[in-house]
């Protein structure tokens, strides 16, 4: 018999995982119509906001390793939505920017975004805003734990 705190339904990590999957599921019909995946959508959101961004900065912003980001960018390039280019000042750096297709994708998204807004209208706005603040606070708490986690991991790597 397992202790109550170790049951799956009592794990905070599982609750966050479940919520994350529900968010992606909510976006999926829209993303399917646009022909992109959720990770590709996140990349495009940053580019729609910034226009162009350093590759490493993009990875940092999305909290992805560059090795994870590379295939996402490559697929977006094949779809003619983004392009990579070397920084003329520092050839070691690469910028990612929108192509015309990526700009047009934003317009398509805006055409379909009303459907998503209608879904979100069913949520209690106050509770949703409070939840967003709480998620930000818990995320900050976990970032502060980062050094402790690194120390904890190093104890068990030996």
Protein backbone atom coordinates (compact mmCIF):
# COMPACT_ATOMS: atom_id res chain seq x y z
CA UNK A 1 0.00 0.00 0.00
CA UNK A 2 1.33 3.45 -0.91
CA UNK A 3 1.25 6.40 1.44
CA UNK A 4 -1.45 8.97 0.62
CA UNK A 5 1.02 11.74 -0.34
CA UNK A 6 2.62 9.45 -2.96
CA UNK A 7 -0.60 8.71 -4.85
CA UNK A 8 -0.65 10.08 -8.38
CA UNK A 9 -3.68 12.32 -7.83
CA UNK A 10 -1.93 13.96 -4.87
CA UNK A 11 1.19 14.91 -6.82
CA UNK A 12 1.45 18.59 -7.72
CA UNK A 13 3.65 17.70 -10.70
CA UNK A 14 0.87 15.50 -12.11
CA UNK A 15 -1.72 18.23 -11.64
CA UNK A 16 0.47 20.70 -13.55
CA UNK A 17 1.12 18.07 -16.25
CA UNK A 18 -2.61 17.44 -16.61
CA UNK A 19 -3.38 21.15 -16.88
CA UNK A 20 -0.64 21.63 -19.46
CA UNK A 21 -2.09 18.85 -21.59
CA UNK A 22 -5.56 20.41 -21.32
CA UNK A 23 -4.24 23.77 -22.51
CA UNK A 24 -2.58 22.15 -25.50
CA UNK A 25 -5.75 20.19 -26.25
CA UNK A 26 -7.74 23.43 -26.15
CA UNK A 27 -5.40 25.02 -28.71
CA UNK A 28 -5.10 21.92 -30.91
CA UNK A 29 -8.05 22.49 -33.29
CA UNK A 30 -6.77 25.98 -34.10
CA UNK A 31 -3.18 24.80 -34.50
CA UNK A 32 -4.30 21.92 -36.74
CA UNK A 33 -6.05 24.37 -39.06
CA UNK A 34 -2.88 26.47 -39.17
CA UNK A 35 -0.75 23.38 -39.76
CA UNK A 36 1.60 24.00 -36.82
CA UNK A 37 2.39 22.30 -33.52
CA UNK A 38 2.16 23.85 -30.07
CA UNK A 39 5.97 24.29 -29.76
CA UNK A 40 6.02 25.94 -33.20
CA UNK A 41 3.20 28.22 -32.05
CA UNK A 42 5.25 29.29 -29.03
CA UNK A 43 8.22 30.17 -31.28
CA UNK A 44 5.93 32.17 -33.55
CA UNK A 45 4.42 34.02 -30.56
CA UNK A 46 7.88 35.26 -29.58
CA UNK A 47 8.66 36.25 -33.17
CA UNK A 48 5.34 38.05 -33.62
CA UNK A 49 6.22 40.01 -30.51
CA UNK A 50 9.84 40.71 -31.44
CA UNK A 51 10.12 40.28 -35.23
CA UNK A 52 13.66 38.97 -34.94
CA UNK A 53 15.56 37.48 -32.02
CA UNK A 54 18.93 35.94 -31.27
CA UNK A 55 18.75 32.14 -31.37
CA UNK A 56 20.10 31.69 -27.83
CA UNK A 57 17.80 34.41 -26.52
CA UNK A 58 14.85 32.61 -28.13
CA UNK A 59 15.88 29.33 -26.49
CA UNK A 60 16.19 31.12 -23.15
CA UNK A 61 12.83 32.85 -23.55
CA UNK A 62 11.10 29.53 -24.26
CA UNK A 63 13.18 27.76 -21.62
CA UNK A 64 14.37 25.21 -24.19
CA UNK A 65 17.81 23.87 -24.94
CA UNK A 66 19.09 24.89 -28.35
CA UNK A 67 19.19 21.21 -29.35
CA UNK A 68 15.45 21.00 -28.68
CA UNK A 69 14.75 24.28 -30.46
CA UNK A 70 16.71 23.43 -33.62
CA UNK A 71 14.26 20.88 -35.12
CA UNK A 72 11.33 23.21 -34.35
CA UNK A 73 13.05 26.06 -36.21
CA UNK A 74 14.03 23.75 -39.08
CA UNK A 75 10.41 22.68 -39.58
CA UNK A 76 9.26 26.31 -39.49
CA UNK A 77 11.94 27.14 -42.08
CA UNK A 78 10.71 24.35 -44.37
CA UNK A 79 7.23 25.85 -44.08
CA UNK A 80 8.68 29.27 -45.11
CA UNK A 81 7.50 30.84 -41.85
CA UNK A 82 10.91 31.80 -40.40
CA UNK A 83 14.53 32.19 -41.46
CA UNK A 84 17.85 31.93 -39.69
CA UNK A 85 20.66 34.31 -40.51
CA UNK A 86 24.13 34.96 -39.15
CA UNK A 87 24.73 38.09 -37.14
CA UNK A 88 27.02 40.26 -39.32
CA UNK A 89 28.76 41.66 -36.22
CA UNK A 90 29.33 38.28 -34.55
CA UNK A 91 29.25 35.35 -36.98
CA UNK A 92 29.00 32.91 -34.05
CA UNK A 93 25.47 34.16 -33.38
CA UNK A 94 22.35 33.37 -35.35
CA UNK A 95 19.15 35.38 -35.54
CA UNK A 96 15.70 33.94 -36.16
CA UNK A 97 13.18 36.17 -37.90
CA UNK A 98 9.78 35.99 -39.55
CA UNK A 99 9.34 35.45 -43.26
CA UNK A 100 6.25 36.66 -45.10
CA UNK A 101 4.57 33.31 -44.40
CA UNK A 102 5.10 33.78 -40.67
CA UNK A 103 3.56 37.24 -40.82
CA UNK A 104 0.61 35.87 -42.80
CA UNK A 105 0.24 33.07 -40.23
CA UNK A 106 -0.39 35.72 -37.56
CA UNK A 107 -3.21 37.14 -39.66
CA UNK A 108 -4.71 33.64 -40.05
CA UNK A 109 -4.42 33.11 -36.31
CA UNK A 110 -6.20 36.38 -35.62
CA UNK A 111 -9.02 35.27 -37.93
CA UNK A 112 -9.49 32.10 -35.87
CA UNK A 113 -8.60 33.48 -32.43
CA UNK A 114 -12.18 34.56 -31.78
CA UNK A 115 -13.13 30.88 -31.40
CA UNK A 116 -10.51 30.46 -28.70
CA UNK A 117 -11.66 33.66 -27.00
CA UNK A 118 -15.20 32.30 -26.84
CA UNK A 119 -13.90 29.20 -25.07
CA UNK A 120 -11.99 31.32 -22.57
CA UNK A 121 -15.07 33.49 -21.97
CA UNK A 122 -16.54 30.46 -20.19
CA UNK A 123 -13.89 30.81 -17.49
CA UNK A 124 -14.43 32.88 -14.37
CA UNK A 125 -12.25 35.92 -15.22
CA UNK A 126 -11.35 36.73 -11.61
CA UNK A 127 -10.41 33.14 -10.86
CA UNK A 128 -8.40 32.92 -14.09
CA UNK A 129 -6.48 36.13 -13.28
CA UNK A 130 -5.83 34.95 -9.70
CA UNK A 131 -4.67 31.60 -11.01
CA UNK A 132 -2.28 33.29 -13.47
CA UNK A 133 -0.76 35.32 -10.61
CA UNK A 134 -0.47 32.21 -8.46
CA UNK A 135 1.24 30.27 -11.27
CA UNK A 136 3.73 33.14 -11.67
CA UNK A 137 4.41 33.14 -7.92
CA UNK A 138 4.90 29.36 -7.76
CA UNK A 139 7.16 29.52 -10.82
CA UNK A 140 9.25 32.20 -9.10
CA UNK A 141 9.41 30.02 -5.98
CA UNK A 142 10.70 27.10 -8.05
CA UNK A 143 13.32 29.30 -9.72
CA UNK A 144 14.51 30.35 -6.28
CA UNK A 145 14.78 26.67 -5.43
CA UNK A 146 17.07 26.22 -8.44
CA UNK A 147 20.32 26.49 -6.51
CA UNK A 148 19.01 24.15 -3.83
CA UNK A 149 17.95 21.63 -6.48
CA UNK A 150 21.39 21.78 -8.11
CA UNK A 151 23.03 21.16 -4.74
CA UNK A 152 20.61 18.31 -4.04
CA UNK A 153 21.30 16.71 -7.45
CA UNK A 154 25.07 16.92 -6.94
CA UNK A 155 24.77 14.95 -3.68
CA UNK A 156 23.20 12.02 -5.54
CA UNK A 157 25.44 12.09 -8.62
CA UNK A 158 28.40 10.78 -6.61
